[in-house]
Amino acid sequence: MADLEIVFAGSPAAAVPSLQALTAGRHDVLAVLTREDSPQGRKRELAQTAVADAADVLALPVIKANRLAGEATERLMALQPDLGVIVAYGGLVREPLLSAPRLGWINLHFSLLPRWRGAAPVQRAIMAGDDVTGASVFQLVPELDAGELFGQVTQSIGAHETAGHLLESLSYSGAELLVRVVDAIADGAARGETQVGDVTLAPKLGLEDGRIDWTQQASQILNLVRGVTPEPGAFTTIDGQRLKVLEAVIARDEPALAPGLFSGPARVLVGTASDPIELLEVHPAGKRPMRAADWWRGRSTGSPTVGE
């Protein structure tokens, strides 16, 4: 039962439970790789990643780099780790670093591979209306998320669950899976299996991916809202101003409205291709998030007009 010397690569909060679980286990984390400090929040102040914060608390050496080249690669290779572990780092591991650890690199990915290979698997699963998702640990190879699987866990997607809530839950169940796999690799008991099934891709989301198309079915719109919450966020354009939709439900008890037609004030409803959508919480441009009914009452008279 040999213990391993590990380098860990990760950046967002979803990677923190994995780092904490590995450091609490039997193996030695030599260093943590994470992305460089970046502007955050409304004031755009420089802040380090959640993983960097966690590494500081754990008193682990931190290497900050957005691209694995030059000094960052040299420092990692000089450590001569047994295994590299990556969880949502946000960059590609290429040769010669890919082959530097004696046992290569493994990756915790928040989907049931080969479904949703790419940067936004949790968001894309919800947006597509999937009922089940999960987490996978696989051998990192040059092809995107295509290596042999060492283990998976499955999880149902709640009807009202957002991407933020689902990712947080998967970050903990995925961390438990990751530790089991690392232990199995150390003990020589890990067995990789070829991914089987149809490949779907989960490219990174941009701001425009959150634009609501009111001509779609209500269920599709609600899936979009849940899938892009909290980032990049769902929105529509009202009277030339962007209105973020933070929370909404399908109003099955209300008569149909024309797609994009608003109705208020007691309940703020918007027409779709099927049932209306009831807006519960919104974030108007230049203001704080608020209940949709308060936003409606604060508007000037007249029905809102949806625009591009």
Foldseek 3Di string as FASTA:
>chain_A
DDAWEEEEAAFAPLQLLLVVLVVPDDHHHAAYEAAAFWQDDPVGDTDGGPNVVSCVVVVHHYDHHQECDDPNLVVVLVVQTQEYEYEHRNYDDDPPSQPSHVNGYKYKDWFQPLEAFENQRLLVCLLVPHQKTWIWIFGDDPPGPFGFTQDIDMDTDDLQAASVRVSNVRSNVSSVVVVVSSVCVSVVNTDTHGTDDDHDYDYDDDLVLQEADQQADPSSRSSSQRSCPPPPFHWFAWPNWIKTQNDKDFPPVDDADPRQWWDDQPWTWGHHNYTIITGAWMQTPPGGIDGPNVVVVPDDDDTIGTDD
